């Protein structure tokens, strides 16, 4: 069977090691459920994402695909370390992220168990209900209250893999100024990721229920000058990175302050855009 390889730091952070020798099966091979055999997909991808993110993503994919069902017991921490060929810290970070997302429970003396996906309440605010700049500004006030608290909670409850993925998303935002739709989607995804770090399905459901039109596509289109648009996106990226960094470091107050500043700045930028449009 072909093996894939990647260099990874050893637990002491010294020389890279080859995890192919750890017996990791090649991508696409799933677990054989009878007898409890668990064959992890390879986490041996080049440094596209941290090993903790890769382990978390692989376990999440198995849960979503039904390969790991609600009530199933996961292998022990030691078994996961051996089967994924990663360190104890990596496994613990991945498990922490899955617990924060409400997908795993850890029962003292019994082990780790897959949970059913949390049932988020349905809430949606239709775009047709937000048809003036004044209404949009009022809704931003609601977002300030909602998302500042979400950032505060996320800094305390996020898993390490979630935090790393959030920072990666922040750093990628707006890197292609010509792709307005892509920037809009990445902005929305970033804010939803923060809500997802809260460990509270209500935050994610409420934010997901806001219309996508609230994301500033119209403001991107105001910039006929490519350099001006790039500068605008660079400011947003800096603000996103500040939020993500505070969450990564577990700085709850810093995360709340950074999110509040970001949204208040967004409100002022919207006001400026409306004024510029009115002035012709």
Protein backbone atom coordinates (compact mmCIF):
# COMPACT_ATOMS: atom_id res chain seq x y z
CA UNK A 1 0.00 0.00 0.00
CA UNK A 2 1.36 3.41 -0.90
CA UNK A 3 2.29 5.62 2.01
CA UNK A 4 2.29 9.40 2.06
CA UNK A 5 4.86 11.32 3.99
CA UNK A 6 5.29 14.67 5.61
CA UNK A 7 7.88 16.21 7.83
CA UNK A 8 6.56 17.20 11.21
CA UNK A 9 8.18 18.45 14.39
CA UNK A 10 8.74 15.84 17.06
CA UNK A 11 7.07 16.47 20.45
CA UNK A 12 10.21 18.27 21.62
CA UNK A 13 10.13 20.56 18.59
CA UNK A 14 13.49 19.38 17.27
CA UNK A 15 14.27 17.60 14.02
CA UNK A 16 11.44 16.81 11.59
CA UNK A 17 10.25 13.22 11.47
CA UNK A 18 8.64 11.19 8.70
CA UNK A 19 5.16 10.10 9.74
CA UNK A 20 4.87 7.68 6.82
CA UNK A 21 6.63 5.16 9.03
CA UNK A 22 3.82 5.47 11.55
CA UNK A 23 1.49 3.38 9.41
CA UNK A 24 -0.81 6.15 8.20
CA UNK A 25 -3.04 4.93 5.40
CA UNK A 26 -3.30 6.88 2.19
CA UNK A 27 -6.08 9.45 1.66
CA UNK A 28 -9.56 8.17 1.10
CA UNK A 29 -9.34 5.06 3.25
CA UNK A 30 -12.02 5.03 5.90
CA UNK A 31 -12.52 3.04 9.07
CA UNK A 32 -13.64 -0.56 8.97
CA UNK A 33 -16.43 -0.40 11.53
CA UNK A 34 -16.66 -4.14 12.38
CA UNK A 35 -14.42 -4.90 15.32
CA UNK A 36 -13.76 -1.24 15.98
CA UNK A 37 -10.86 -0.95 13.53
CA UNK A 38 -10.19 2.70 12.81
CA UNK A 39 -8.05 3.61 9.83
CA UNK A 40 -7.47 7.38 9.77
CA UNK A 41 -7.05 9.15 6.49
CA UNK A 42 -3.64 10.64 6.07
CA UNK A 43 -2.89 13.93 7.76
CA UNK A 44 0.30 14.02 5.76
CA UNK A 45 -0.43 17.09 3.69
CA UNK A 46 2.26 19.73 3.21
CA UNK A 47 1.94 22.56 5.68
CA UNK A 48 -1.36 23.77 4.20
CA UNK A 49 -2.88 23.60 7.67
CA UNK A 50 -1.59 22.58 11.08
CA UNK A 51 -1.64 18.91 11.98
CA UNK A 52 -4.29 19.62 14.63
CA UNK A 53 -6.52 21.20 12.00
CA UNK A 54 -6.01 18.21 9.71
CA UNK A 55 -6.87 15.68 12.44
CA UNK A 56 -9.90 17.73 13.48
CA UNK A 57 -11.05 18.04 9.86
CA UNK A 58 -10.63 14.31 9.26
CA UNK A 59 -12.65 13.35 12.34
CA UNK A 60 -15.28 15.95 11.48
CA UNK A 61 -15.56 14.57 7.95
CA UNK A 62 -16.06 11.06 9.31
CA UNK A 63 -18.79 12.28 11.64
CA UNK A 64 -20.53 14.18 8.84
CA UNK A 65 -20.29 11.15 6.54
CA UNK A 66 -21.80 8.88 9.17
CA UNK A 67 -18.67 6.78 9.49
CA UNK A 68 -18.61 7.85 13.14
CA UNK A 69 -22.18 7.96 14.43
CA UNK A 70 -23.72 9.59 17.51
CA UNK A 71 -22.93 7.36 20.47
CA UNK A 72 -19.83 5.80 18.89
CA UNK A 73 -16.80 5.69 21.14
CA UNK A 74 -13.61 7.12 19.70
CA UNK A 75 -10.29 5.34 20.06
CA UNK A 76 -8.31 6.38 23.11
CA UNK A 77 -5.99 9.37 22.99
CA UNK A 78 -3.00 7.00 22.85
CA UNK A 79 -4.54 5.08 19.94
CA UNK A 80 -5.24 8.29 18.02
CA UNK A 81 -1.65 9.41 18.55
CA UNK A 82 -0.38 6.13 17.12
CA UNK A 83 -2.84 5.87 14.25
CA UNK A 84 -2.48 9.46 13.07
CA UNK A 85 1.25 9.52 13.79
CA UNK A 86 1.09 12.85 15.59
CA UNK A 87 1.91 14.15 19.05
CA UNK A 88 -0.30 14.14 22.15
CA UNK A 89 -0.63 17.92 21.89
CA UNK A 90 -1.96 17.68 18.32
CA UNK A 91 -4.59 15.10 19.30
CA UNK A 92 -5.65 17.10 22.34
CA UNK A 93 -6.03 20.26 20.26
CA UNK A 94 -8.16 18.43 17.70
CA UNK A 95 -10.36 16.87 20.41
CA UNK A 96 -10.70 20.25 22.12
CA UNK A 97 -11.95 21.79 18.87
CA UNK A 98 -14.50 19.01 18.37
CA UNK A 99 -15.73 19.38 21.95
CA UNK A 100 -16.08 23.14 21.53
CA UNK A 101 -18.11 22.52 18.37
CA UNK A 102 -20.44 20.22 20.29
CA UNK A 103 -19.45 17.10 18.31
CA UNK A 104 -17.74 15.11 21.07
CA UNK A 105 -18.24 14.51 24.77
CA UNK A 106 -15.58 13.26 27.14
CA UNK A 107 -16.83 11.10 30.00
CA UNK A 108 -14.44 10.60 32.87
CA UNK A 109 -13.30 7.00 33.03
CA UNK A 110 -15.31 5.98 29.96
CA UNK A 111 -13.78 7.80 27.01
CA UNK A 112 -14.77 10.08 24.13
CA UNK A 113 -18.13 9.76 22.41
CA UNK A 114 -19.62 11.25 19.24
CA UNK A 115 -22.56 13.57 19.83
CA UNK A 116 -25.49 14.26 17.54
CA UNK A 117 -25.12 17.63 15.76
CA UNK A 118 -26.58 20.49 17.82
CA UNK A 119 -30.00 21.57 16.64
CA UNK A 120 -29.76 25.29 16.01
CA UNK A 121 -32.99 27.30 16.09
CA UNK A 122 -34.22 28.62 12.77
CA UNK A 123 -34.02 32.37 12.39
CA UNK A 124 -33.72 34.41 9.24
CA UNK A 125 -33.96 38.10 8.46
CA UNK A 126 -34.77 38.55 4.79
CA UNK A 127 -32.75 41.02 2.72
CA UNK A 128 -35.99 42.67 1.61
CA UNK A 129 -36.50 43.80 5.20
CA UNK A 130 -33.26 45.80 5.09
CA UNK A 131 -33.78 48.14 2.18
CA UNK A 132 -32.35 51.45 3.37
CA UNK A 133 -28.94 52.57 4.59
CA UNK A 134 -30.50 53.69 7.87
CA UNK A 135 -31.90 50.21 8.53
CA UNK A 136 -28.53 48.69 7.70
CA UNK A 137 -26.83 51.03 10.17
CA UNK A 138 -29.31 50.00 12.85
CA UNK A 139 -28.63 46.36 12.14
CA UNK A 140 -24.90 46.95 12.51
CA UNK A 141 -25.68 48.16 16.04
CA UNK A 142 -27.23 44.76 16.71
CA UNK A 143 -24.19 43.05 15.24
CA UNK A 144 -21.92 45.08 17.54
CA UNK A 145 -23.74 43.69 20.57
CA UNK A 146 -24.02 40.14 19.21
CA UNK A 147 -20.59 39.66 17.67
CA UNK A 148 -18.57 41.43 20.35
CA UNK A 149 -19.94 38.96 22.88
CA UNK A 150 -19.38 36.10 20.43
CA UNK A 151 -15.71 37.08 20.11
CA UNK A 152 -15.40 37.25 23.91
CA UNK A 153 -16.82 33.74 24.28
CA UNK A 154 -14.83 32.39 21.34
CA UNK A 155 -11.55 33.44 22.97
CA UNK A 156 -12.45 31.35 26.02
CA UNK A 157 -14.03 28.33 24.35
CA UNK A 158 -12.31 27.87 20.99
CA UNK A 159 -10.18 24.84 20.31
CA UNK A 160 -6.62 25.33 19.17
CA UNK A 161 -7.41 23.99 15.71
CA UNK A 162 -10.40 26.33 15.41
CA UNK A 163 -8.26 29.31 16.41
CA UNK A 164 -5.53 28.39 13.93
CA UNK A 165 -8.07 28.03 11.13
CA UNK A 166 -9.60 31.38 12.06
CA UNK A 167 -6.25 33.15 11.86
CA UNK A 168 -5.52 31.52 8.50
CA UNK A 169 -8.88 32.76 7.20
CA UNK A 170 -8.16 36.27 8.46
CA UNK A 171 -4.78 36.37 6.76
CA UNK A 172 -6.23 35.17 3.42
CA UNK A 173 -9.03 37.74 3.37
CA UNK A 174 -9.04 40.22 0.51
CA UNK A 175 -5.82 39.03 -1.09
CA UNK A 176 -7.49 39.25 -4.53
CA UNK A 177 -8.98 42.77 -4.73
CA UNK A 178 -10.52 42.03 -8.13
CA UNK A 179 -12.68 39.25 -6.67
CA UNK A 180 -15.47 41.19 -4.94
CA UNK A 181 -17.71 38.16 -4.56
CA UNK A 182 -14.88 36.14 -3.06
CA UNK A 183 -14.10 38.88 -0.54
CA UNK A 184 -17.77 39.10 0.45
CA UNK A 185 -17.95 35.33 0.97
CA UNK A 186 -14.71 35.23 2.96
CA UNK A 187 -15.89 38.08 5.20
CA UNK A 188 -19.13 36.29 5.96
CA UNK A 189 -17.36 32.97 6.56
CA UNK A 190 -14.90 34.61 8.96
CA UNK A 191 -17.68 36.04 11.12
CA UNK A 192 -19.54 32.72 11.08
CA UNK A 193 -16.35 30.91 12.11
CA UNK A 194 -16.14 33.10 15.20
CA UNK A 195 -19.75 32.33 16.06
CA UNK A 196 -18.95 28.65 15.60
CA UNK A 197 -16.15 28.90 18.18
CA UNK A 198 -18.61 29.96 20.90
CA UNK A 199 -19.91 26.48 21.59
CA UNK A 200 -23.41 27.98 21.48
CA UNK A 201 -25.54 27.18 18.44
CA UNK A 202 -27.74 30.24 18.99
CA UNK A 203 -24.94 32.66 18.09
CA UNK A 204 -24.21 30.88 14.83
CA UNK A 205 -27.91 30.57 13.96
CA UNK A 206 -28.60 34.25 14.60
CA UNK A 207 -25.61 35.44 12.59
CA UNK A 208 -26.29 32.98 9.77
CA UNK A 209 -29.81 34.40 9.60
CA UNK A 210 -28.57 37.84 8.62
CA UNK A 211 -28.78 38.57 4.89
CA UNK A 212 -25.55 38.30 2.92
CA UNK A 213 -26.23 41.76 1.49
CA UNK A 214 -25.02 43.22 4.77
CA UNK A 215 -21.51 42.34 3.72
CA UNK A 216 -20.14 45.35 1.84
CA UNK A 217 -20.16 44.21 -1.80
CA UNK A 218 -21.61 47.60 -2.78
CA UNK A 219 -18.74 49.35 -1.06
CA UNK A 220 -16.21 47.26 -2.96
CA UNK A 221 -17.89 48.24 -6.20
CA UNK A 222 -17.57 51.94 -5.33
CA UNK A 223 -13.82 51.70 -5.80
CA UNK A 224 -13.04 52.23 -9.46
CA UNK A 225 -9.38 52.56 -8.53
CA UNK A 226 -7.87 49.10 -7.96
CA UNK A 227 -5.33 50.51 -5.52
CA UNK A 228 -8.06 52.14 -3.42
CA UNK A 229 -10.01 48.88 -3.29
CA UNK A 230 -6.88 46.96 -2.31
CA UNK A 231 -6.17 49.50 0.45
CA UNK A 232 -9.74 49.17 1.74
CA UNK A 233 -9.49 45.37 1.84
CA UNK A 234 -6.10 45.62 3.53
CA UNK A 235 -7.68 47.63 6.36
CA UNK A 236 -10.38 45.00 6.79
CA UNK A 237 -7.76 42.24 6.75
CA UNK A 238 -5.78 43.97 9.50
CA UNK A 239 -8.92 44.24 11.62
CA UNK A 240 -9.76 40.58 11.02
CA UNK A 241 -6.23 39.52 11.99
CA UNK A 242 -6.44 41.57 15.20
CA UNK A 243 -9.67 39.77 16.16
CA UNK A 244 -8.34 36.33 15.25
CA UNK A 245 -5.05 36.91 17.07
CA UNK A 246 -6.84 37.88 20.28
CA UNK A 247 -9.02 34.76 20.03
CA UNK A 248 -5.96 32.59 19.33
CA UNK A 249 -4.24 33.94 22.45
CA UNK A 250 -7.33 33.47 24.61
CA UNK A 251 -7.59 37.23 25.18
CA UNK A 252 -11.34 37.54 25.70
CA UNK A 253 -11.39 41.26 26.45
CA UNK A 254 -9.03 41.98 23.57
CA UNK A 255 -11.18 39.94 21.20
CA UNK A 256 -14.32 41.75 22.27
CA UNK A 257 -12.66 45.15 21.89
CA UNK A 258 -11.21 44.26 18.48
CA UNK A 259 -14.59 43.02 17.19
CA UNK A 260 -16.39 46.07 18.54
CA UNK A 261 -13.86 48.39 16.88
CA UNK A 262 -14.12 46.47 13.59
CA UNK A 263 -17.91 46.75 13.46
CA UNK A 264 -17.98 50.39 14.57
CA UNK A 265 -15.41 51.13 11.87
CA UNK A 266 -17.65 49.28 9.40
CA UNK A 267 -20.55 51.48 10.43
CA UNK A 268 -18.50 54.62 9.85
CA UNK A 269 -17.24 53.33 6.51
CA UNK A 270 -20.84 52.68 5.46
CA UNK A 271 -21.86 56.20 6.49
CA UNK A 272 -18.98 57.64 4.49
CA UNK A 273 -19.95 55.56 1.46
CA UNK A 274 -23.58 56.71 1.70
CA UNK A 275 -22.48 60.35 1.98
CA UNK A 276 -20.13 60.00 -0.98
CA UNK A 277 -22.90 58.40 -3.04
CA UNK A 278 -25.36 61.16 -2.11
CA UNK A 279 -22.83 63.82 -3.06
CA UNK A 280 -22.67 62.28 -6.52
